[in-house]
Amino acid sequence: MFAMTRILGSGLALVFPLTAAFTAASQEFSLKLHGPNTAATTTSEVHVKSTITNTSSHETRFAVGFGNHEFDYDVEVADADGRVPTLTPAFRHLKENPSSWWGSYATRVLKPGESFDEDLVVTHLYKLEPGEYTVQVARGIRGHVDSVSEKTKSNVIHLAVSN
């Protein structure tokens, strides 16, 4: 019984620090958005890159999905007139049915000052017509599920899409 209690106690001690790491404030990391490396057209996928950097003085744990990283972010796109482009059917479905969101996640541990990059495909979320757009993303340590107050916003980038 003592050994079992000890094991259970140790197990609980490991769970609580993990929970605390995932609920930490968003000031623990910065988020930098980079524009596409190739010309954006209406017939191509539009990729942007996010760089997450641990700006805290301790290790920080991030929930990281397996592919389609753009769904782990709040991606805000607006045209030159401030209008939001048409959502793709998949993204519209997720917005209208948030309880249908599911996925598997791994934990990525960053030491102070360390970074990692993620490729975000904007055209998985929005249908982009020719024109000028602004793009900004936000995410929390646990991805899109963190509350608005726990998310960190990126810089704003400008994106031109041609035929």
C-alpha atoms as a PDB file:
ATOM      1  CA  MET A   1       0.000   0.000   0.000  1.00  0.00           C
ATOM      2  CA  PHE A   2       2.814   2.422   0.898  1.00  0.00           C
ATOM      3  CA  ALA A   3       4.597   1.728  -2.384  1.00  0.00           C
ATOM      4  CA  MET A   4       1.398   2.214  -4.333  1.00  0.00           C
ATOM      5  CA  THR A   5       0.652   5.472  -2.569  1.00  0.00           C
ATOM      6  CA  ARG A   6       4.165   6.621  -3.271  1.00  0.00           C
ATOM      7  CA  ILE A   7       3.832   5.784  -6.961  1.00  0.00           C
ATOM      8  CA  LEU A   8       0.489   7.532  -7.207  1.00  0.00           C
ATOM      9  CA  GLY A   9       1.877  10.526  -5.346  1.00  0.00           C
ATOM     10  CA  SER A  10       4.820  10.697  -7.742  1.00  0.00           C
ATOM     11  CA  GLY A  11       2.488  10.405 -10.697  1.00  0.00           C
ATOM     12  CA  LEU A  12       0.415  13.305  -9.449  1.00  0.00           C
ATOM     13  CA  ALA A  13       3.519  15.382  -8.882  1.00  0.00           C
ATOM     14  CA  LEU A  14       4.398  14.922 -12.560  1.00  0.00           C
ATOM     15  CA  VAL A  15       0.926  15.843 -13.769  1.00  0.00           C
ATOM     16  CA  PHE A  16       0.610  19.127 -11.903  1.00  0.00           C
ATOM     17  CA  PRO A  17       3.768  20.786 -13.301  1.00  0.00           C
ATOM     18  CA  LEU A  18       2.631  19.867 -16.823  1.00  0.00           C
ATOM     19  CA  THR A  19      -0.770  21.462 -16.234  1.00  0.00           C
ATOM     20  CA  ALA A  20       0.852  24.583 -14.834  1.00  0.00           C
ATOM     21  CA  ALA A  21       3.137  24.824 -17.871  1.00  0.00           C
ATOM     22  CA  PHE A  22       0.186  24.712 -20.266  1.00  0.00           C
ATOM     23  CA  THR A  23      -1.749  27.404 -18.391  1.00  0.00           C
ATOM     24  CA  ALA A  24       1.076  29.925 -18.086  1.00  0.00           C
ATOM     25  CA  ALA A  25       0.647  33.490 -19.306  1.00  0.00           C
ATOM     26  CA  SER A  26       1.217  34.312 -22.972  1.00  0.00           C
ATOM     27  CA  GLN A  27       4.128  36.637 -22.159  1.00  0.00           C
ATOM     28  CA  GLU A  28       6.241  33.502 -21.911  1.00  0.00           C
ATOM     29  CA  PHE A  29       6.746  33.455 -25.678  1.00  0.00           C
ATOM     30  CA  SER A  30       6.859  35.681 -28.725  1.00  0.00           C
ATOM     31  CA  LEU A  31       5.294  34.984 -32.089  1.00  0.00           C
ATOM     32  CA  LYS A  32       6.830  36.300 -35.330  1.00  0.00           C
ATOM     33  CA  LEU A  33       5.124  35.892 -38.696  1.00  0.00           C
ATOM     34  CA  HIS A  34       7.110  35.762 -41.971  1.00  0.00           C
ATOM     35  CA  GLY A  35       5.659  36.196 -45.466  1.00  0.00           C
ATOM     36  CA  PRO A  36       5.785  33.608 -48.232  1.00  0.00           C
ATOM     37  CA  ASN A  37       9.070  32.844 -49.986  1.00  0.00           C
ATOM     38  CA  THR A  38       7.375  32.600 -53.382  1.00  0.00           C
ATOM     39  CA  ALA A  39       4.875  34.774 -55.235  1.00  0.00           C
ATOM     40  CA  ALA A  40       1.318  34.207 -54.088  1.00  0.00           C
ATOM     41  CA  THR A  41      -1.229  33.426 -56.798  1.00  0.00           C
ATOM     42  CA  THR A  42      -4.880  32.452 -56.762  1.00  0.00           C
ATOM     43  CA  THR A  43      -3.940  28.985 -58.062  1.00  0.00           C
ATOM     44  CA  SER A  44      -1.232  28.181 -55.493  1.00  0.00           C
ATOM     45  CA  GLU A  45      -1.173  27.434 -51.803  1.00  0.00           C
ATOM     46  CA  VAL A  46      -0.125  30.485 -49.810  1.00  0.00           C
ATOM     47  CA  HIS A  47       2.331  29.579 -47.046  1.00  0.00           C
ATOM     48  CA  VAL A  48       3.491  31.819 -44.218  1.00  0.00           C
ATOM     49  CA  LYS A  49       5.873  30.852 -41.439  1.00  0.00           C
ATOM     50  CA  SER A  50       5.448  31.458 -37.730  1.00  0.00           C
ATOM     51  CA  THR A  51       8.380  31.462 -35.341  1.00  0.00           C
ATOM     52  CA  ILE A  52       7.641  30.819 -31.672  1.00  0.00           C
ATOM     53  CA  THR A  53      10.386  31.840 -29.236  1.00  0.00           C
ATOM     54  CA  ASN A  54      10.487  31.110 -25.508  1.00  0.00           C
ATOM     55  CA  THR A  55      11.064  34.531 -23.942  1.00  0.00           C
ATOM     56  CA  SER A  56      10.782  33.303 -20.353  1.00  0.00           C
ATOM     57  CA  SER A  57      13.571  32.330 -17.967  1.00  0.00           C
ATOM     58  CA  HIS A  58      12.391  28.699 -17.748  1.00  0.00           C
ATOM     59  CA  GLU A  59      11.380  25.808 -20.008  1.00  0.00           C
ATOM     60  CA  THR A  60       7.999  26.245 -21.662  1.00  0.00           C
ATOM     61  CA  ARG A  61       5.883  23.442 -23.102  1.00  0.00           C
ATOM     62  CA  PHE A  62       3.777  23.909 -26.231  1.00  0.00           C
ATOM     63  CA  ALA A  63       1.052  21.705 -27.639  1.00  0.00           C
ATOM     64  CA  VAL A  64       1.968  21.030 -31.263  1.00  0.00           C
ATOM     65  CA  GLY A  65      -0.333  19.286 -33.738  1.00  0.00           C
ATOM     66  CA  PHE A  66       0.643  16.832 -36.446  1.00  0.00           C
ATOM     67  CA  GLY A  67       0.316  18.738 -39.736  1.00  0.00           C
ATOM     68  CA  ASN A  68      -2.079  21.524 -40.765  1.00  0.00           C
ATOM     69  CA  HIS A  69      -0.594  23.828 -38.132  1.00  0.00           C
ATOM     70  CA  GLU A  70      -2.749  26.731 -39.335  1.00  0.00           C
ATOM     71  CA  PHE A  71      -5.657  25.174 -37.422  1.00  0.00           C
ATOM     72  CA  ASP A  72      -3.679  25.641 -34.162  1.00  0.00           C
ATOM     73  CA  TYR A  73      -3.730  29.425 -34.648  1.00  0.00           C
ATOM     74  CA  ASP A  74      -6.278  32.182 -34.897  1.00  0.00           C
ATOM     75  CA  VAL A  75      -5.424  33.416 -38.393  1.00  0.00           C
ATOM     76  CA  GLU A  76      -6.822  36.852 -39.227  1.00  0.00           C
ATOM     77  CA  VAL A  77      -6.800  37.911 -42.874  1.00  0.00           C
ATOM     78  CA  ALA A  78      -8.263  41.117 -44.285  1.00  0.00           C
ATOM     79  CA  ASP A  79      -8.210  42.667 -47.735  1.00  0.00           C
ATOM     80  CA  ALA A  80      -7.213  46.275 -48.473  1.00  0.00           C
ATOM     81  CA  ASP A  81     -10.755  47.423 -47.537  1.00  0.00           C
ATOM     82  CA  GLY A  82     -10.682  45.555 -44.215  1.00  0.00           C
ATOM     83  CA  ARG A  83     -13.016  42.767 -45.375  1.00  0.00           C
ATOM     84  CA  VAL A  84     -12.418  39.162 -44.408  1.00  0.00           C
ATOM     85  CA  PRO A  85     -12.049  36.878 -47.459  1.00  0.00           C
ATOM     86  CA  THR A  86     -14.397  33.942 -48.022  1.00  0.00           C
ATOM     87  CA  LEU A  87     -13.701  31.025 -45.716  1.00  0.00           C
ATOM     88  CA  THR A  88     -12.925  27.606 -47.170  1.00  0.00           C
ATOM     89  CA  PRO A  89     -15.676  25.017 -46.537  1.00  0.00           C
ATOM     90  CA  ALA A  90     -13.541  23.150 -43.978  1.00  0.00           C
ATOM     91  CA  PHE A  91     -12.682  26.308 -42.034  1.00  0.00           C
ATOM     92  CA  ARG A  92     -16.281  27.571 -42.164  1.00  0.00           C
ATOM     93  CA  HIS A  93     -17.432  24.210 -40.754  1.00  0.00           C
ATOM     94  CA  LEU A  94     -14.970  24.500 -37.849  1.00  0.00           C
ATOM     95  CA  LYS A  95     -16.040  28.079 -37.111  1.00  0.00           C
ATOM     96  CA  GLU A  96     -19.727  27.128 -37.156  1.00  0.00           C
ATOM     97  CA  ASN A  97     -19.189  23.869 -35.223  1.00  0.00           C
ATOM     98  CA  PRO A  98     -16.333  24.413 -32.766  1.00  0.00           C
ATOM     99  CA  SER A  99     -17.198  21.214 -30.893  1.00  0.00           C
ATOM    100  CA  SER A 100     -16.294  19.219 -34.026  1.00  0.00           C
ATOM    101  CA  TRP A 101     -12.644  20.225 -33.603  1.00  0.00           C
ATOM    102  CA  TRP A 102     -10.389  17.374 -32.543  1.00  0.00           C
ATOM    103  CA  GLY A 103      -6.844  16.231 -33.063  1.00  0.00           C
ATOM    104  CA  SER A 104      -3.735  14.719 -31.570  1.00  0.00           C
ATOM    105  CA  TYR A 105      -1.005  16.828 -30.054  1.00  0.00           C
ATOM    106  CA  ALA A 106       2.555  16.346 -28.923  1.00  0.00           C
ATOM    107  CA  THR A 107       4.449  18.460 -26.413  1.00  0.00           C
ATOM    108  CA  ARG A 108       7.328  20.580 -27.619  1.00  0.00           C
ATOM    109  CA  VAL A 109       9.679  21.779 -24.873  1.00  0.00           C
ATOM    110  CA  LEU A 110      11.616  25.003 -25.431  1.00  0.00           C
ATOM    111  CA  LYS A 111      14.433  26.147 -23.188  1.00  0.00           C
ATOM    112  CA  PRO A 112      14.779  29.904 -22.636  1.00  0.00           C
ATOM    113  CA  GLY A 113      15.672  31.604 -25.915  1.00  0.00           C
ATOM    114  CA  GLU A 114      14.901  28.560 -28.094  1.00  0.00           C
ATOM    115  CA  SER A 115      12.537  28.781 -31.073  1.00  0.00           C
ATOM    116  CA  PHE A 116      10.668  26.597 -33.508  1.00  0.00           C
ATOM    117  CA  ASP A 117       8.996  27.329 -36.831  1.00  0.00           C
ATOM    118  CA  GLU A 118       5.647  26.180 -38.187  1.00  0.00           C
ATOM    119  CA  ASP A 119       4.380  26.336 -41.762  1.00  0.00           C
ATOM    120  CA  LEU A 120       0.864  27.793 -42.004  1.00  0.00           C
ATOM    121  CA  VAL A 121      -1.148  27.392 -45.204  1.00  0.00           C
ATOM    122  CA  VAL A 122      -3.436  30.426 -45.335  1.00  0.00           C
ATOM    123  CA  THR A 123      -5.360  29.044 -48.313  1.00  0.00           C
ATOM    124  CA  HIS A 124      -6.501  26.070 -46.206  1.00  0.00           C
ATOM    125  CA  LEU A 125      -8.550  28.675 -44.330  1.00  0.00           C
ATOM    126  CA  TYR A 126      -9.390  31.459 -46.799  1.00  0.00           C
ATOM    127  CA  LYS A 127     -10.095  31.775 -50.522  1.00  0.00           C
ATOM    128  CA  LEU A 128      -7.786  34.541 -51.686  1.00  0.00           C
ATOM    129  CA  GLU A 129      -8.687  36.546 -54.781  1.00  0.00           C
ATOM    130  CA  PRO A 130      -6.154  38.844 -56.482  1.00  0.00           C
ATOM    131  CA  GLY A 131      -5.380  41.784 -54.226  1.00  0.00           C
ATOM    132  CA  GLU A 132      -3.557  43.031 -51.152  1.00  0.00           C
ATOM    133  CA  TYR A 133      -4.064  41.445 -47.732  1.00  0.00           C
ATOM    134  CA  THR A 134      -2.869  41.765 -44.160  1.00  0.00           C
ATOM    135  CA  VAL A 135      -2.257  38.642 -42.109  1.00  0.00           C
ATOM    136  CA  GLN A 136      -1.836  38.311 -38.358  1.00  0.00           C
ATOM    137  CA  VAL A 137      -1.931  35.186 -36.214  1.00  0.00           C
ATOM    138  CA  ALA A 138      -2.431  34.487 -32.530  1.00  0.00           C
ATOM    139  CA  ARG A 139      -2.051  31.352 -30.443  1.00  0.00           C
ATOM    140  CA  GLY A 140      -1.660  30.176 -26.915  1.00  0.00           C
ATOM    141  CA  ILE A 141       0.646  27.611 -25.418  1.00  0.00           C
ATOM    142  CA  ARG A 142      -2.030  24.977 -26.022  1.00  0.00           C
ATOM    143  CA  GLY A 143      -2.800  26.249 -29.534  1.00  0.00           C
ATOM    144  CA  HIS A 144      -6.186  27.602 -30.575  1.00  0.00           C
ATOM    145  CA  VAL A 145      -8.014  26.341 -27.461  1.00  0.00           C
ATOM    146  CA  ASP A 146      -6.521  28.909 -25.085  1.00  0.00           C
ATOM    147  CA  SER A 147      -8.751  31.814 -24.143  1.00  0.00           C
ATOM    148  CA  VAL A 148      -8.315  35.165 -25.849  1.00  0.00           C
ATOM    149  CA  SER A 149      -6.522  36.649 -22.826  1.00  0.00           C
ATOM    150  CA  GLU A 150      -3.911  33.848 -22.874  1.00  0.00           C
ATOM    151  CA  LYS A 151      -2.944  34.241 -26.543  1.00  0.00           C
ATOM    152  CA  THR A 152       0.043  36.006 -28.007  1.00  0.00           C
ATOM    153  CA  LYS A 153      -0.393  37.938 -31.259  1.00  0.00           C
ATOM    154  CA  SER A 154       2.165  38.107 -34.041  1.00  0.00           C
ATOM    155  CA  ASN A 155       3.287  41.028 -36.094  1.00  0.00           C
ATOM    156  CA  VAL A 156       1.176  41.950 -39.144  1.00  0.00           C
ATOM    157  CA  ILE A 157       2.499  41.046 -42.576  1.00  0.00           C
ATOM    158  CA  HIS A 158       1.340  42.230 -45.999  1.00  0.00           C
ATOM    159  CA  LEU A 159       0.571  39.760 -48.731  1.00  0.00           C
ATOM    160  CA  ALA A 160      -0.065  40.403 -52.430  1.00  0.00           C
ATOM    161  CA  VAL A 161      -1.975  37.789 -54.428  1.00  0.00           C
ATOM    162  CA  SER A 162      -2.017  37.838 -58.229  1.00  0.00           C
ATOM    163  CA  ASN A 163      -3.733  35.751 -60.916  1.00  0.00           C
END
